[in-house]
Amino acid sequence: MRDQPGVGFVLQHVGVGAALAAGFCALILWQDPMGLGSLLLRAEGHPLPLLLLWFFCTLTFGSVQLGTAIMLRWRDPDGG
């Protein structure tokens, strides 16, 4: 097993999750599934709903990305 992941490792993978979340939000706005993109753009507190969607998608995608990266770092100490 390798050493514990550092802050840079965590920030890098959470950043990848944030970029994926931004792409996902852009895709929602572009494709407008069931009018969701239009609803987000016409919301009364316009930037807030979109920012909340991006934030919670970042939490989800960042957590998955970080968890996957940590699990892929694990190696069996016996080599088997």
N, C-alpha and C. Protein backbone atom coordinates (compact mmCIF):
# COMPACT_ATOMS: atom_id res chain seq x y z
N MET A 1 0.85 -1.18 0.00
CA MET A 1 0.00 0.00 0.00
C MET A 1 0.89 1.24 0.00
N ARG A 2 0.52 2.22 -0.74
CA ARG A 2 1.29 3.46 -0.82
C ARG A 2 1.00 4.35 0.36
N ASP A 3 1.77 5.43 0.47
CA ASP A 3 1.53 6.42 1.52
C ASP A 3 0.15 7.04 1.36
N GLN A 4 -0.27 7.73 2.41
CA GLN A 4 -1.55 8.42 2.37
C GLN A 4 -1.55 9.49 1.29
N PRO A 5 -2.67 9.66 0.57
CA PRO A 5 -2.71 10.70 -0.46
C PRO A 5 -2.59 12.08 0.15
N GLY A 6 -1.87 12.96 -0.53
CA GLY A 6 -1.67 14.31 -0.04
C GLY A 6 -2.79 15.24 -0.47
N VAL A 7 -2.69 16.48 -0.04
CA VAL A 7 -3.70 17.49 -0.35
C VAL A 7 -3.77 17.73 -1.86
N GLY A 8 -2.62 17.74 -2.51
CA GLY A 8 -2.60 17.94 -3.96
C GLY A 8 -3.34 16.85 -4.71
N PHE A 9 -3.18 15.62 -4.26
CA PHE A 9 -3.88 14.48 -4.87
C PHE A 9 -5.39 14.66 -4.74
N VAL A 10 -5.83 15.04 -3.54
CA VAL A 10 -7.26 15.21 -3.30
C VAL A 10 -7.81 16.36 -4.13
N LEU A 11 -7.12 17.50 -4.13
CA LEU A 11 -7.59 18.66 -4.88
C LEU A 11 -7.62 18.39 -6.38
N GLN A 12 -6.65 17.66 -6.87
CA GLN A 12 -6.61 17.33 -8.30
C GLN A 12 -7.84 16.52 -8.70
N HIS A 13 -8.17 15.52 -7.93
CA HIS A 13 -9.29 14.66 -8.29
C HIS A 13 -10.64 15.32 -8.02
N VAL A 14 -10.73 16.13 -7.00
CA VAL A 14 -11.98 16.88 -6.78
C VAL A 14 -12.14 17.92 -7.89
N GLY A 15 -11.03 18.48 -8.37
CA GLY A 15 -11.08 19.41 -9.50
C GLY A 15 -11.58 18.73 -10.76
N VAL A 16 -11.17 17.50 -10.99
CA VAL A 16 -11.67 16.74 -12.14
C VAL A 16 -13.18 16.54 -11.98
N GLY A 17 -13.62 16.23 -10.76
CA GLY A 17 -15.06 16.08 -10.52
C GLY A 17 -15.81 17.38 -10.75
N ALA A 18 -15.21 18.52 -10.37
CA ALA A 18 -15.85 19.81 -10.60
C ALA A 18 -15.95 20.12 -12.09
N ALA A 19 -14.93 19.76 -12.84
CA ALA A 19 -14.97 19.97 -14.29
C ALA A 19 -16.04 19.08 -14.94
N LEU A 20 -16.14 17.85 -14.48
CA LEU A 20 -17.19 16.96 -14.99
C LEU A 20 -18.58 17.50 -14.65
N ALA A 21 -18.73 18.05 -13.45
CA ALA A 21 -20.01 18.62 -13.03
C ALA A 21 -20.35 19.84 -13.89
N ALA A 22 -19.35 20.67 -14.20
CA ALA A 22 -19.59 21.83 -15.05
C ALA A 22 -20.03 21.38 -16.45
N GLY A 23 -19.39 20.34 -16.96
CA GLY A 23 -19.80 19.80 -18.25
C GLY A 23 -21.20 19.23 -18.22
N PHE A 24 -21.54 18.57 -17.12
CA PHE A 24 -22.89 18.01 -16.97
C PHE A 24 -23.94 19.12 -16.92
N CYS A 25 -23.65 20.20 -16.18
CA CYS A 25 -24.59 21.32 -16.11
C CYS A 25 -24.71 22.01 -17.47
N ALA A 26 -23.60 22.16 -18.18
CA ALA A 26 -23.65 22.75 -19.52
C ALA A 26 -24.48 21.87 -20.46
N LEU A 27 -24.34 20.57 -20.33
CA LEU A 27 -25.12 19.64 -21.15
C LEU A 27 -26.61 19.76 -20.85
N ILE A 28 -26.96 19.94 -19.58
CA ILE A 28 -28.36 20.14 -19.21
C ILE A 28 -28.90 21.42 -19.83
N LEU A 29 -28.11 22.50 -19.78
CA LEU A 29 -28.56 23.76 -20.37
C LEU A 29 -28.67 23.65 -21.89
N TRP A 30 -27.75 22.94 -22.51
CA TRP A 30 -27.72 22.83 -23.96
C TRP A 30 -28.84 21.94 -24.49
N GLN A 31 -29.03 20.77 -23.87
CA GLN A 31 -30.02 19.82 -24.35
C GLN A 31 -31.44 20.13 -23.86
N ASP A 32 -31.56 20.83 -22.75
CA ASP A 32 -32.85 21.23 -22.18
C ASP A 32 -33.81 20.05 -22.00
N PRO A 33 -33.41 19.02 -21.23
CA PRO A 33 -34.29 17.86 -21.05
C PRO A 33 -35.54 18.24 -20.24
N MET A 34 -36.69 17.96 -20.80
CA MET A 34 -37.98 18.24 -20.16
C MET A 34 -38.10 19.69 -19.70
N GLY A 35 -37.42 20.61 -20.38
CA GLY A 35 -37.50 22.03 -20.06
C GLY A 35 -36.69 22.45 -18.85
N LEU A 36 -35.83 21.57 -18.35
CA LEU A 36 -35.05 21.88 -17.15
C LEU A 36 -34.05 23.01 -17.39
N GLY A 37 -33.39 23.00 -18.55
CA GLY A 37 -32.44 24.07 -18.86
C GLY A 37 -33.12 25.42 -18.94
N SER A 38 -34.28 25.48 -19.58
CA SER A 38 -35.04 26.72 -19.67
C SER A 38 -35.49 27.18 -18.29
N LEU A 39 -35.91 26.25 -17.47
CA LEU A 39 -36.34 26.59 -16.11
C LEU A 39 -35.18 27.17 -15.30
N LEU A 40 -34.01 26.59 -15.45
CA LEU A 40 -32.84 27.10 -14.73
C LEU A 40 -32.46 28.50 -15.21
N LEU A 41 -32.56 28.73 -16.49
CA LEU A 41 -32.19 30.05 -17.04
C LEU A 41 -33.23 31.12 -16.75
N ARG A 42 -34.50 30.73 -16.56
CA ARG A 42 -35.55 31.70 -16.28
C ARG A 42 -35.90 31.80 -14.80
N ALA A 43 -35.11 31.19 -13.94
CA ALA A 43 -35.41 31.19 -12.50
C ALA A 43 -35.33 32.61 -11.95
N GLU A 44 -36.13 32.87 -10.92
CA GLU A 44 -36.21 34.22 -10.35
C GLU A 44 -34.87 34.64 -9.76
N GLY A 45 -34.24 33.79 -8.97
CA GLY A 45 -32.91 34.08 -8.44
C GLY A 45 -31.89 33.45 -9.38
N HIS A 46 -31.86 33.92 -10.62
CA HIS A 46 -31.23 33.26 -11.77
C HIS A 46 -29.95 32.47 -11.49
N PRO A 47 -28.89 33.05 -10.96
CA PRO A 47 -27.68 32.22 -10.87
C PRO A 47 -27.73 31.19 -9.73
N LEU A 48 -28.54 31.43 -8.72
CA LEU A 48 -28.53 30.55 -7.55
C LEU A 48 -28.93 29.10 -7.86
N PRO A 49 -30.04 28.83 -8.55
CA PRO A 49 -30.38 27.42 -8.81
C PRO A 49 -29.31 26.69 -9.63
N LEU A 50 -28.75 27.37 -10.61
CA LEU A 50 -27.71 26.75 -11.43
C LEU A 50 -26.45 26.50 -10.61
N LEU A 51 -26.09 27.44 -9.75
CA LEU A 51 -24.92 27.25 -8.88
C LEU A 51 -25.14 26.11 -7.89
N LEU A 52 -26.35 26.00 -7.38
CA LEU A 52 -26.65 24.89 -6.47
C LEU A 52 -26.58 23.55 -7.19
N LEU A 53 -27.10 23.49 -8.41
CA LEU A 53 -27.01 22.26 -9.20
C LEU A 53 -25.55 21.90 -9.43
N TRP A 54 -24.73 22.88 -9.83
CA TRP A 54 -23.30 22.62 -10.06
C TRP A 54 -22.61 22.18 -8.76
N PHE A 55 -22.91 22.84 -7.64
CA PHE A 55 -22.28 22.51 -6.37
C PHE A 55 -22.57 21.06 -5.96
N PHE A 56 -23.83 20.67 -6.02
CA PHE A 56 -24.18 19.31 -5.59
C PHE A 56 -23.71 18.26 -6.59
N CYS A 57 -23.68 18.60 -7.87
CA CYS A 57 -23.08 17.68 -8.84
C CYS A 57 -21.58 17.56 -8.61
N THR A 58 -20.93 18.66 -8.21
CA THR A 58 -19.50 18.61 -7.88
C THR A 58 -19.26 17.72 -6.67
N LEU A 59 -20.12 17.81 -5.67
CA LEU A 59 -19.99 16.92 -4.51
C LEU A 59 -20.09 15.45 -4.95
N THR A 60 -21.05 15.16 -5.81
CA THR A 60 -21.25 13.78 -6.26
C THR A 60 -20.10 13.30 -7.13
N PHE A 61 -19.81 14.05 -8.22
CA PHE A 61 -18.78 13.61 -9.16
C PHE A 61 -17.40 13.65 -8.53
N GLY A 62 -17.14 14.66 -7.69
CA GLY A 62 -15.84 14.75 -7.01
C GLY A 62 -15.63 13.59 -6.05
N SER A 63 -16.67 13.22 -5.33
CA SER A 63 -16.56 12.09 -4.39
C SER A 63 -16.32 10.79 -5.13
N VAL A 64 -17.03 10.58 -6.23
CA VAL A 64 -16.83 9.36 -7.01
C VAL A 64 -15.43 9.33 -7.59
N GLN A 65 -14.98 10.46 -8.15
CA GLN A 65 -13.64 10.54 -8.74
C GLN A 65 -12.57 10.28 -7.69
N LEU A 66 -12.69 10.90 -6.54
CA LEU A 66 -11.70 10.73 -5.47
C LEU A 66 -11.71 9.31 -4.93
N GLY A 67 -12.90 8.75 -4.72
CA GLY A 67 -12.98 7.38 -4.23
C GLY A 67 -12.39 6.38 -5.21
N THR A 68 -12.67 6.58 -6.49
CA THR A 68 -12.11 5.70 -7.51
C THR A 68 -10.59 5.81 -7.56
N ALA A 69 -10.08 7.04 -7.48
CA ALA A 69 -8.63 7.25 -7.53
C ALA A 69 -7.94 6.62 -6.32
N ILE A 70 -8.55 6.72 -5.16
CA ILE A 70 -7.95 6.13 -3.95
C ILE A 70 -7.98 4.60 -4.05
N MET A 71 -9.09 4.04 -4.54
CA MET A 71 -9.15 2.59 -4.66
C MET A 71 -8.17 2.06 -5.70
N LEU A 72 -7.92 2.82 -6.75
CA LEU A 72 -6.97 2.37 -7.76
C LEU A 72 -5.52 2.48 -7.28
N ARG A 73 -5.27 3.27 -6.24
CA ARG A 73 -3.91 3.38 -5.68
C ARG A 73 -3.54 2.17 -4.83
N TRP A 74 -4.52 1.45 -4.34
CA TRP A 74 -4.26 0.35 -3.41
C TRP A 74 -3.56 -0.79 -4.11
N ARG A 75 -2.54 -1.30 -3.49
CA ARG A 75 -1.83 -2.46 -4.00
C ARG A 75 -1.70 -3.48 -2.87
N ASP A 76 -1.77 -4.72 -3.24
CA ASP A 76 -1.60 -5.80 -2.26
C ASP A 76 -0.14 -5.83 -1.82
N PRO A 77 0.13 -5.72 -0.50
CA PRO A 77 1.53 -5.71 -0.06
C PRO A 77 2.28 -7.00 -0.36
N ASP A 78 1.55 -8.11 -0.52
CA ASP A 78 2.19 -9.39 -0.82
C ASP A 78 2.48 -9.54 -2.31
N GLY A 79 1.96 -8.62 -3.13
CA GLY A 79 2.19 -8.68 -4.57
C GLY A 79 1.29 -9.65 -5.29
N GLY A 80 0.30 -10.19 -4.61
CA GLY A 80 -0.55 -11.20 -5.24
C GLY A 80 -1.91 -10.75 -5.55
